[in-house]
Amino acid sequence: MYRKGSVVSADGTTIGFRRLGSGPDVILLHGSMLAAQDFMQLAEALAGDFTVTVPDRRGRGLSGPHGADYGIDREVEDLQALLKEAGASRVFGLSSGALIGLRTARVSPAIEKLALYEPPLDVNGSVPVDWVPRYRRELADGKIAAALVSTLKGLQADRVFTTVPRFILVPPLNVALRFQRTAKGDDVPIPALVPTMAGDMQLIDELAGTAKDYASVDADVLLLAGSRSPAYFGRSLDELTAVLPRSARITIPKLDHSGPTNDGGPAEVAQALRAFFA
């Protein structure tokens, strides 16, 4: 069972979180089209050794809206507020959450240990973005299932969605999403998460080509990947391995980009994090 709390970020936005466990503090930052609910199995696996804080990033669930001035600076401020409230020095981030952790580590000496699972750091156009205009049009037209398919096909993060034709995928997803429009407790329904991808693609665009910036990161960094993930995540990790002063890298067999989530292999990821954060 978790307890709830919140902090107020620098621009006045409330950032809500779930907290469980006891021990040294760890913050888990989810990625695109996710919320705190998607990290609960990972959090529970770590809760025997750590106090685990799992925020809903802004624009979701327990937290306030993205805001008119949204961008990487706001996300960094949010994490800094969480670090201060928790007294944490350990951070884990998945995907866009990993980008936020990485960017924050440049400016916050509070982060001593940083674990990153497949940050989509663009290296000379390595992250696919040609699908984004279609996604935005479908979102504007209220076609949430179609926008979700465009995202999953575009990012190549799920093999089923990559290979199965769009006309087969969209109708059953429409039906499924219709039954998931109502939130259960603190969980955010999937139709409300699909539009958040727009903000995360903004972060990817802002941070494209910034790998050399992280040569100044003082934290110990663990770079994580799944063996079944698209190759462009590996290219991001290659670039970071070359510039980070203190880093180690682990590839976890049989996992893909969803590895840390409830639907992936949270136990395997927790094992790596437990050893690193000890």
C-alpha atoms as a PDB file:
ATOM      1  CA  MET A   1       0.000   0.000   0.000  1.00  0.00           C
ATOM      2  CA  TYR A   2       1.331   3.438  -0.867  1.00  0.00           C
ATOM      3  CA  ARG A   3       0.921   6.824   0.729  1.00  0.00           C
ATOM      4  CA  LYS A   4       0.337   9.986  -1.299  1.00  0.00           C
ATOM      5  CA  GLY A   5       2.069  13.338  -1.192  1.00  0.00           C
ATOM      6  CA  SER A   6       2.923  16.330  -3.333  1.00  0.00           C
ATOM      7  CA  VAL A   7       5.416  19.132  -3.853  1.00  0.00           C
ATOM      8  CA  VAL A   8       5.083  22.511  -5.535  1.00  0.00           C
ATOM      9  CA  SER A   9       7.503  23.081  -8.407  1.00  0.00           C
ATOM     10  CA  ALA A  10       9.232  26.373  -9.172  1.00  0.00           C
ATOM     11  CA  ASP A  11       6.451  27.599 -11.475  1.00  0.00           C
ATOM     12  CA  GLY A  12       3.729  26.772  -8.928  1.00  0.00           C
ATOM     13  CA  THR A  13       2.636  23.475 -10.482  1.00  0.00           C
ATOM     14  CA  THR A  14       1.736  20.690  -8.058  1.00  0.00           C
ATOM     15  CA  ILE A  15       3.613  17.431  -8.595  1.00  0.00           C
ATOM     16  CA  GLY A  16       1.841  14.539  -6.891  1.00  0.00           C
ATOM     17  CA  PHE A  17       3.472  11.244  -6.020  1.00  0.00           C
ATOM     18  CA  ARG A  18       3.023   7.806  -4.511  1.00  0.00           C
ATOM     19  CA  ARG A  19       5.476   6.649  -1.849  1.00  0.00           C
ATOM     20  CA  LEU A  20       6.134   3.228  -0.363  1.00  0.00           C
ATOM     21  CA  GLY A  21       8.810   1.274   1.468  1.00  0.00           C
ATOM     22  CA  SER A  22      11.542   2.347   3.870  1.00  0.00           C
ATOM     23  CA  GLY A  23      15.269   2.967   3.634  1.00  0.00           C
ATOM     24  CA  PRO A  24      17.374   5.323   1.480  1.00  0.00           C
ATOM     25  CA  ASP A  25      15.238   7.420  -0.864  1.00  0.00           C
ATOM     26  CA  VAL A  26      14.883   6.586  -4.560  1.00  0.00           C
ATOM     27  CA  ILE A  27      12.832   8.503  -7.141  1.00  0.00           C
ATOM     28  CA  LEU A  28      11.420   6.658 -10.179  1.00  0.00           C
ATOM     29  CA  LEU A  29      10.569   8.752 -13.255  1.00  0.00           C
ATOM     30  CA  HIS A  30       8.251   7.141 -15.790  1.00  0.00           C
ATOM     31  CA  GLY A  31       8.404   7.656 -19.536  1.00  0.00           C
ATOM     32  CA  SER A  32       6.071   8.462 -22.417  1.00  0.00           C
ATOM     33  CA  MET A  33       2.343   7.699 -22.204  1.00  0.00           C
ATOM     34  CA  LEU A  34       2.840   6.319 -18.691  1.00  0.00           C
ATOM     35  CA  ALA A  35       2.029   7.414 -15.138  1.00  0.00           C
ATOM     36  CA  ALA A  36       3.006   6.356 -11.625  1.00  0.00           C
ATOM     37  CA  GLN A  37       0.686   3.345 -11.845  1.00  0.00           C
ATOM     38  CA  ASP A  38       2.962   1.751 -14.467  1.00  0.00           C
ATOM     39  CA  PHE A  39       5.899   1.625 -12.043  1.00  0.00           C
ATOM     40  CA  MET A  40       4.105   0.107  -9.063  1.00  0.00           C
ATOM     41  CA  GLN A  41       5.519  -3.410  -9.499  1.00  0.00           C
ATOM     42  CA  LEU A  42       9.027  -1.983  -9.818  1.00  0.00           C
ATOM     43  CA  ALA A  43       8.442   0.211  -6.765  1.00  0.00           C
ATOM     44  CA  GLU A  44       7.130  -2.732  -4.742  1.00  0.00           C
ATOM     45  CA  ALA A  45      10.166  -4.805  -5.724  1.00  0.00           C
ATOM     46  CA  LEU A  46      12.451  -2.068  -4.350  1.00  0.00           C
ATOM     47  CA  ALA A  47      10.360  -1.122  -1.309  1.00  0.00           C
ATOM     48  CA  GLY A  48      11.965  -3.706   0.972  1.00  0.00           C
ATOM     49  CA  ASP A  49      15.290  -1.840   0.719  1.00  0.00           C
ATOM     50  CA  PHE A  50      14.383   1.747  -0.197  1.00  0.00           C
ATOM     51  CA  THR A  51      11.820   4.475   0.301  1.00  0.00           C
ATOM     52  CA  VAL A  52      10.478   4.739  -3.229  1.00  0.00           C
ATOM     53  CA  THR A  53       8.824   7.907  -4.565  1.00  0.00           C
ATOM     54  CA  VAL A  54       6.918   7.550  -7.841  1.00  0.00           C
ATOM     55  CA  PRO A  55       5.586  10.859  -9.190  1.00  0.00           C
ATOM     56  CA  ASP A  56       3.001  11.420 -11.847  1.00  0.00           C
ATOM     57  CA  ARG A  57       4.989  13.707 -14.130  1.00  0.00           C
ATOM     58  CA  ARG A  58       3.234  16.979 -14.928  1.00  0.00           C
ATOM     59  CA  GLY A  59       0.228  16.683 -17.226  1.00  0.00           C
ATOM     60  CA  ARG A  60      -0.940  13.438 -15.576  1.00  0.00           C
ATOM     61  CA  GLY A  61      -2.922  12.103 -12.655  1.00  0.00           C
ATOM     62  CA  LEU A  62      -1.999  13.574  -9.273  1.00  0.00           C
ATOM     63  CA  SER A  63       0.009  16.399 -10.864  1.00  0.00           C
ATOM     64  CA  GLY A  64      -0.924  19.692 -12.460  1.00  0.00           C
ATOM     65  CA  PRO A  65      -0.954  20.540 -16.192  1.00  0.00           C
ATOM     66  CA  HIS A  66       2.040  20.856 -18.495  1.00  0.00           C
ATOM     67  CA  GLY A  67       1.584  24.631 -18.522  1.00  0.00           C
ATOM     68  CA  ALA A  68       2.092  27.176 -21.291  1.00  0.00           C
ATOM     69  CA  ASP A  69       5.871  27.299 -20.787  1.00  0.00           C
ATOM     70  CA  TYR A  70       6.409  23.530 -20.829  1.00  0.00           C
ATOM     71  CA  GLY A  71       9.794  22.105 -21.730  1.00  0.00           C
ATOM     72  CA  ILE A  72      12.827  20.368 -20.263  1.00  0.00           C
ATOM     73  CA  ASP A  73      13.470  23.228 -17.825  1.00  0.00           C
ATOM     74  CA  ARG A  74      10.077  22.697 -16.173  1.00  0.00           C
ATOM     75  CA  GLU A  75      10.683  18.940 -15.882  1.00  0.00           C
ATOM     76  CA  VAL A  76      14.107  19.576 -14.319  1.00  0.00           C
ATOM     77  CA  GLU A  77      12.518  21.939 -11.805  1.00  0.00           C
ATOM     78  CA  ASP A  78       9.933  19.297 -10.954  1.00  0.00           C
ATOM     79  CA  LEU A  79      12.604  16.700 -10.245  1.00  0.00           C
ATOM     80  CA  GLN A  80      14.625  19.173  -8.206  1.00  0.00           C
ATOM     81  CA  ALA A  81      11.559  19.843  -6.045  1.00  0.00           C
ATOM     82  CA  LEU A  82      11.061  16.104  -5.541  1.00  0.00           C
ATOM     83  CA  LEU A  83      14.740  15.580  -4.670  1.00  0.00           C
ATOM     84  CA  LYS A  84      14.558  18.310  -2.037  1.00  0.00           C
ATOM     85  CA  GLU A  85      11.304  17.048  -0.506  1.00  0.00           C
ATOM     86  CA  ALA A  86      12.489  13.433  -0.306  1.00  0.00           C
ATOM     87  CA  GLY A  87      16.118  14.137   0.522  1.00  0.00           C
ATOM     88  CA  ALA A  88      16.917  11.687  -2.250  1.00  0.00           C
ATOM     89  CA  SER A  89      20.249  11.125  -3.987  1.00  0.00           C
ATOM     90  CA  ARG A  90      19.205   8.166  -6.166  1.00  0.00           C
ATOM     91  CA  VAL A  91      17.143   8.535  -9.360  1.00  0.00           C
ATOM     92  CA  PHE A  92      15.912   6.069 -11.964  1.00  0.00           C
ATOM     93  CA  GLY A  93      14.351   7.167 -15.234  1.00  0.00           C
ATOM     94  CA  LEU A  94      12.786   5.323 -18.159  1.00  0.00           C
ATOM     95  CA  SER A  95      12.828   6.794 -21.671  1.00  0.00           C
ATOM     96  CA  SER A  96      11.860  10.489 -21.466  1.00  0.00           C
ATOM     97  CA  GLY A  97      12.096  10.148 -17.686  1.00  0.00           C
ATOM     98  CA  ALA A  98      15.721   9.129 -18.220  1.00  0.00           C
ATOM     99  CA  LEU A  99      16.320  12.282 -20.273  1.00  0.00           C
ATOM    100  CA  ILE A 100      14.937  14.370 -17.394  1.00  0.00           C
ATOM    101  CA  GLY A 101      17.151  12.608 -14.871  1.00  0.00           C
ATOM    102  CA  LEU A 102      20.194  13.083 -17.086  1.00  0.00           C
ATOM    103  CA  ARG A 103      19.531  16.779 -17.648  1.00  0.00           C
ATOM    104  CA  THR A 104      18.917  17.337 -13.941  1.00  0.00           C
ATOM    105  CA  ALA A 105      22.171  15.617 -12.990  1.00  0.00           C
ATOM    106  CA  ARG A 106      24.049  18.359 -14.906  1.00  0.00           C
ATOM    107  CA  VAL A 107      22.798  21.024 -12.515  1.00  0.00           C
ATOM    108  CA  SER A 108      21.919  19.202  -9.290  1.00  0.00           C
ATOM    109  CA  PRO A 109      24.672  17.865  -7.023  1.00  0.00           C
ATOM    110  CA  ALA A 110      21.923  16.124  -5.036  1.00  0.00           C
ATOM    111  CA  ILE A 111      21.949  13.241  -7.551  1.00  0.00           C
ATOM    112  CA  GLU A 112      24.739  10.861  -6.607  1.00  0.00           C
ATOM    113  CA  LYS A 113      23.500   7.730  -8.376  1.00  0.00           C
ATOM    114  CA  LEU A 114      21.537   7.886 -11.627  1.00  0.00           C
ATOM    115  CA  ALA A 115      20.137   4.853 -13.452  1.00  0.00           C
ATOM    116  CA  LEU A 116      18.864   5.396 -17.004  1.00  0.00           C
ATOM    117  CA  TYR A 117      16.840   2.888 -19.011  1.00  0.00           C
ATOM    118  CA  GLU A 118      17.019   3.637 -22.737  1.00  0.00           C
ATOM    119  CA  PRO A 119      16.970   7.446 -22.869  1.00  0.00           C
ATOM    120  CA  PRO A 120      15.888   8.468 -26.409  1.00  0.00           C
ATOM    121  CA  LEU A 121      18.736  10.915 -26.854  1.00  0.00           C
ATOM    122  CA  ASP A 122      18.769  11.823 -30.520  1.00  0.00           C
ATOM    123  CA  VAL A 123      22.144  11.412 -32.239  1.00  0.00           C
ATOM    124  CA  ASN A 124      22.206  12.884 -35.744  1.00  0.00           C
ATOM    125  CA  GLY A 125      18.550  12.037 -36.374  1.00  0.00           C
ATOM    126  CA  SER A 126      18.694   8.562 -34.837  1.00  0.00           C
ATOM    127  CA  VAL A 127      15.301   8.806 -33.078  1.00  0.00           C
ATOM    128  CA  PRO A 128      12.445   8.411 -35.599  1.00  0.00           C
ATOM    129  CA  VAL A 129      10.161  11.466 -35.716  1.00  0.00           C
ATOM    130  CA  ASP A 130       8.543  11.280 -39.171  1.00  0.00           C
ATOM    131  CA  TRP A 131       5.335   9.903 -37.600  1.00  0.00           C
ATOM    132  CA  VAL A 132       4.775  12.926 -35.329  1.00  0.00           C
ATOM    133  CA  PRO A 133       2.776  15.145 -37.756  1.00  0.00           C
ATOM    134  CA  ARG A 134       0.289  12.312 -38.349  1.00  0.00           C
ATOM    135  CA  TYR A 135       0.030  11.690 -34.596  1.00  0.00           C
ATOM    136  CA  ARG A 136      -0.704  15.386 -33.991  1.00  0.00           C
ATOM    137  CA  ARG A 137      -3.400  15.460 -36.686  1.00  0.00           C
ATOM    138  CA  GLU A 138      -5.096  12.357 -35.283  1.00  0.00           C
ATOM    139  CA  LEU A 139      -4.952  13.794 -31.791  1.00  0.00           C
ATOM    140  CA  ALA A 140      -6.506  17.071 -32.977  1.00  0.00           C
ATOM    141  CA  ASP A 141      -9.300  15.085 -34.642  1.00  0.00           C
ATOM    142  CA  GLY A 142      -9.987  13.139 -31.456  1.00  0.00           C
ATOM    143  CA  LYS A 143      -8.768   9.852 -32.975  1.00  0.00           C
ATOM    144  CA  ILE A 144      -7.025   8.564 -29.866  1.00  0.00           C
ATOM    145  CA  ALA A 145      -6.662   4.933 -30.992  1.00  0.00           C
ATOM    146  CA  ALA A 146      -5.199   6.005 -34.334  1.00  0.00           C
ATOM    147  CA  ALA A 147      -2.790   8.391 -32.558  1.00  0.00           C
ATOM    148  CA  LEU A 148      -1.698   5.559 -30.253  1.00  0.00           C
ATOM    149  CA  VAL A 149      -1.030   3.274 -33.239  1.00  0.00           C
ATOM    150  CA  SER A 150       0.946   6.028 -34.979  1.00  0.00           C
ATOM    151  CA  THR A 151       3.093   6.438 -31.872  1.00  0.00           C
ATOM    152  CA  LEU A 152       3.812   2.750 -31.337  1.00  0.00           C
ATOM    153  CA  LYS A 153       4.510   2.133 -35.011  1.00  0.00           C
ATOM    154  CA  GLY A 154       6.614   5.273 -35.293  1.00  0.00           C
ATOM    155  CA  LEU A 155       8.839   4.554 -32.300  1.00  0.00           C
ATOM    156  CA  GLN A 156       9.133   0.842 -33.182  1.00  0.00           C
ATOM    157  CA  ALA A 157       9.043   0.014 -29.463  1.00  0.00           C
ATOM    158  CA  ASP A 158       6.578  -2.882 -29.770  1.00  0.00           C
ATOM    159  CA  ARG A 159       7.128  -5.595 -32.388  1.00  0.00           C
ATOM    160  CA  VAL A 160       3.423  -6.428 -32.676  1.00  0.00           C
ATOM    161  CA  PHE A 161       2.510  -2.858 -33.530  1.00  0.00           C
ATOM    162  CA  THR A 162       5.416  -2.591 -35.940  1.00  0.00           C
ATOM    163  CA  THR A 163       4.388  -5.602 -38.023  1.00  0.00           C
ATOM    164  CA  VAL A 164       0.566  -5.685 -37.871  1.00  0.00           C
ATOM    165  CA  PRO A 165      -1.207  -3.363 -40.393  1.00  0.00           C
ATOM    166  CA  ARG A 166      -2.851  -0.214 -39.069  1.00  0.00           C
ATOM    167  CA  PHE A 167      -6.328  -1.151 -40.385  1.00  0.00           C
ATOM    168  CA  ILE A 168      -6.255  -4.278 -38.217  1.00  0.00           C
ATOM    169  CA  LEU A 169      -5.002  -2.507 -35.091  1.00  0.00           C
ATOM    170  CA  VAL A 170      -7.192   0.594 -34.876  1.00  0.00           C
ATOM    171  CA  PRO A 171     -10.740  -0.891 -34.631  1.00  0.00           C
ATOM    172  CA  PRO A 172     -10.108  -3.193 -31.619  1.00  0.00           C
ATOM    173  CA  LEU A 173      -8.107  -0.444 -29.921  1.00  0.00           C
ATOM    174  CA  ASN A 174     -11.030   1.927 -30.355  1.00  0.00           C
ATOM    175  CA  VAL A 175     -13.232  -0.540 -28.513  1.00  0.00           C
ATOM    176  CA  ALA A 176     -10.660  -1.187 -25.793  1.00  0.00           C
ATOM    177  CA  LEU A 177     -10.027   2.513 -25.154  1.00  0.00           C
ATOM    178  CA  ARG A 178     -13.753   3.201 -24.929  1.00  0.00           C
ATOM    179  CA  PHE A 179     -13.873   0.965 -21.849  1.00  0.00           C
ATOM    180  CA  GLN A 180     -10.829   2.626 -20.283  1.00  0.00           C
ATOM    181  CA  ARG A 181     -11.948   6.240 -20.219  1.00  0.00           C
ATOM    182  CA  THR A 182     -12.781   6.223 -16.506  1.00  0.00           C
ATOM    183  CA  ALA A 183      -9.983   6.432 -13.956  1.00  0.00           C
ATOM    184  CA  LYS A 184      -9.739   3.753 -11.275  1.00  0.00           C
ATOM    185  CA  GLY A 185      -8.570   5.301  -8.027  1.00  0.00           C
ATOM    186  CA  ASP A 186      -5.369   7.256  -8.680  1.00  0.00           C
ATOM    187  CA  ASP A 187      -4.648   5.495 -11.975  1.00  0.00           C
ATOM    188  CA  VAL A 188      -4.741   7.551 -15.171  1.00  0.00           C
ATOM    189  CA  PRO A 189      -6.802   6.002 -18.014  1.00  0.00           C
ATOM    190  CA  ILE A 190      -4.902   5.265 -21.224  1.00  0.00           C
ATOM    191  CA  PRO A 191      -6.938   7.698 -23.385  1.00  0.00           C
ATOM    192  CA  ALA A 192      -5.717  10.510 -21.115  1.00  0.00           C
ATOM    193  CA  LEU A 193      -2.088   9.393 -21.478  1.00  0.00           C
ATOM    194  CA  VAL A 194      -1.907   9.252 -25.279  1.00  0.00           C
ATOM    195  CA  PRO A 195      -1.902  13.080 -25.662  1.00  0.00           C
ATOM    196  CA  THR A 196       1.074  13.375 -23.287  1.00  0.00           C
ATOM    197  CA  MET A 197       3.316  11.950 -26.003  1.00  0.00           C
ATOM    198  CA  ALA A 198       3.326  15.387 -27.626  1.00  0.00           C
ATOM    199  CA  GLY A 199       5.151  16.850 -24.643  1.00  0.00           C
ATOM    200  CA  ASP A 200       7.661  14.031 -24.524  1.00  0.00           C
ATOM    201  CA  MET A 201       8.482  14.444 -28.209  1.00  0.00           C
ATOM    202  CA  GLN A 202       9.118  18.106 -27.438  1.00  0.00           C
ATOM    203  CA  LEU A 203      11.702  17.027 -24.850  1.00  0.00           C
ATOM    204  CA  ILE A 204      13.387  14.709 -27.365  1.00  0.00           C
ATOM    205  CA  ASP A 205      13.559  17.556 -29.868  1.00  0.00           C
ATOM    206  CA  GLU A 206      14.948  20.008 -27.287  1.00  0.00           C
ATOM    207  CA  LEU A 207      17.710  17.632 -26.228  1.00  0.00           C
ATOM    208  CA  ALA A 208      18.727  16.373 -29.673  1.00  0.00           C
ATOM    209  CA  GLY A 209      22.481  16.496 -30.153  1.00  0.00           C
ATOM    210  CA  THR A 210      23.281  17.346 -26.523  1.00  0.00           C
ATOM    211  CA  ALA A 211      25.269  14.212 -25.586  1.00  0.00           C
ATOM    212  CA  LYS A 212      28.506  16.137 -25.011  1.00  0.00           C
ATOM    213  CA  ASP A 213      26.755  18.255 -22.364  1.00  0.00           C
ATOM    214  CA  TYR A 214      26.840  15.303 -19.989  1.00  0.00           C
ATOM    215  CA  ALA A 215      30.627  15.111 -19.724  1.00  0.00           C
ATOM    216  CA  SER A 216      30.162  17.351 -16.662  1.00  0.00           C
ATOM    217  CA  VAL A 217      27.843  14.922 -14.798  1.00  0.00           C
ATOM    218  CA  ASP A 218      29.450  13.992 -11.464  1.00  0.00           C
ATOM    219  CA  ALA A 219      27.011  11.221 -10.520  1.00  0.00           C
ATOM    220  CA  ASP A 220      27.670   7.525 -10.912  1.00  0.00           C
ATOM    221  CA  VAL A 221      25.513   6.449 -13.853  1.00  0.00           C
ATOM    222  CA  LEU A 222      24.098   3.040 -14.721  1.00  0.00           C
ATOM    223  CA  LEU A 223      22.983   2.723 -18.353  1.00  0.00           C
ATOM    224  CA  LEU A 224      20.346   0.027 -18.861  1.00  0.00           C
ATOM    225  CA  ALA A 225      18.812  -1.511 -21.974  1.00  0.00           C
ATOM    226  CA  GLY A 226      16.709  -4.462 -23.014  1.00  0.00           C
ATOM    227  CA  SER A 227      18.100  -6.922 -25.542  1.00  0.00           C
ATOM    228  CA  ARG A 228      14.892  -6.706 -27.627  1.00  0.00           C
ATOM    229  CA  SER A 229      14.694  -2.923 -27.940  1.00  0.00           C
ATOM    230  CA  PRO A 230      15.103  -0.929 -31.173  1.00  0.00           C
ATOM    231  CA  ALA A 231      18.683  -0.189 -32.210  1.00  0.00           C
ATOM    232  CA  TYR A 232      18.397   3.594 -31.863  1.00  0.00           C
ATOM    233  CA  PHE A 233      18.274   3.282 -28.062  1.00  0.00           C
ATOM    234  CA  GLY A 234      21.608   1.487 -28.246  1.00  0.00           C
ATOM    235  CA  ARG A 235      23.049   4.344 -30.262  1.00  0.00           C
ATOM    236  CA  SER A 236      21.977   6.789 -27.548  1.00  0.00           C
ATOM    237  CA  LEU A 237      23.688   4.647 -24.917  1.00  0.00           C
ATOM    238  CA  ASP A 238      26.837   4.364 -27.059  1.00  0.00           C
ATOM    239  CA  GLU A 239      27.053   8.132 -27.187  1.00  0.00           C
ATOM    240  CA  LEU A 240      26.526   8.508 -23.438  1.00  0.00           C
ATOM    241  CA  THR A 241      29.026   5.757 -22.616  1.00  0.00           C
ATOM    242  CA  ALA A 242      31.643   7.746 -24.516  1.00  0.00           C
ATOM    243  CA  VAL A 243      31.075  11.015 -22.629  1.00  0.00           C
ATOM    244  CA  LEU A 244      29.950  10.199 -19.077  1.00  0.00           C
ATOM    245  CA  PRO A 245      32.899  10.257 -16.651  1.00  0.00           C
ATOM    246  CA  ARG A 246      31.612   7.414 -14.451  1.00  0.00           C
ATOM    247  CA  SER A 247      29.239   4.969 -16.061  1.00  0.00           C
ATOM    248  CA  ALA A 248      28.511   1.258 -16.319  1.00  0.00           C
ATOM    249  CA  ARG A 249      26.246  -0.456 -18.823  1.00  0.00           C
ATOM    250  CA  ILE A 250      23.987  -3.495 -18.565  1.00  0.00           C
ATOM    251  CA  THR A 251      21.812  -5.136 -21.214  1.00  0.00           C
ATOM    252  CA  ILE A 252      19.013  -7.221 -19.686  1.00  0.00           C
ATOM    253  CA  PRO A 253      18.092 -10.310 -21.752  1.00  0.00           C
ATOM    254  CA  LYS A 254      14.598 -10.756 -23.178  1.00  0.00           C
ATOM    255  CA  LEU A 255      13.382  -7.266 -22.233  1.00  0.00           C
ATOM    256  CA  ASP A 256      12.294  -4.457 -24.551  1.00  0.00           C
ATOM    257  CA  HIS A 257      11.598  -0.750 -23.998  1.00  0.00           C
ATOM    258  CA  SER A 258       8.767  -1.548 -21.572  1.00  0.00           C
ATOM    259  CA  GLY A 259      11.141  -3.528 -19.343  1.00  0.00           C
ATOM    260  CA  PRO A 260      10.770  -1.494 -16.118  1.00  0.00           C
ATOM    261  CA  THR A 261       6.966  -1.268 -16.327  1.00  0.00           C
ATOM    262  CA  ASN A 262       4.318  -3.600 -14.930  1.00  0.00           C
ATOM    263  CA  ASP A 263       4.000  -5.159 -18.405  1.00  0.00           C
ATOM    264  CA  GLY A 264       7.735  -5.751 -18.820  1.00  0.00           C
ATOM    265  CA  GLY A 265      10.243  -7.324 -16.465  1.00  0.00           C
ATOM    266  CA  PRO A 266      10.226  -5.147 -13.340  1.00  0.00           C
ATOM    267  CA  ALA A 267      11.783  -7.885 -11.184  1.00  0.00           C
ATOM    268  CA  GLU A 268      14.843  -8.091 -13.464  1.00  0.00           C
ATOM    269  CA  VAL A 269      15.206  -4.304 -13.575  1.00  0.00           C
ATOM    270  CA  ALA A 270      14.783  -4.087  -9.789  1.00  0.00           C
ATOM    271  CA  GLN A 271      17.612  -6.575  -9.335  1.00  0.00           C
ATOM    272  CA  ALA A 272      19.988  -4.336 -11.280  1.00  0.00           C
ATOM    273  CA  LEU A 273      18.794  -1.200  -9.477  1.00  0.00           C
ATOM    274  CA  ARG A 274      19.069  -2.789  -6.037  1.00  0.00           C
ATOM    275  CA  ALA A 275      22.719  -3.632  -6.624  1.00  0.00           C
ATOM    276  CA  PHE A 276      23.508  -0.195  -8.087  1.00  0.00           C
ATOM    277  CA  PHE A 277      21.675   1.869  -5.464  1.00  0.00           C
ATOM    278  CA  ALA A 278      23.010  -0.124  -2.477  1.00  0.00           C
END
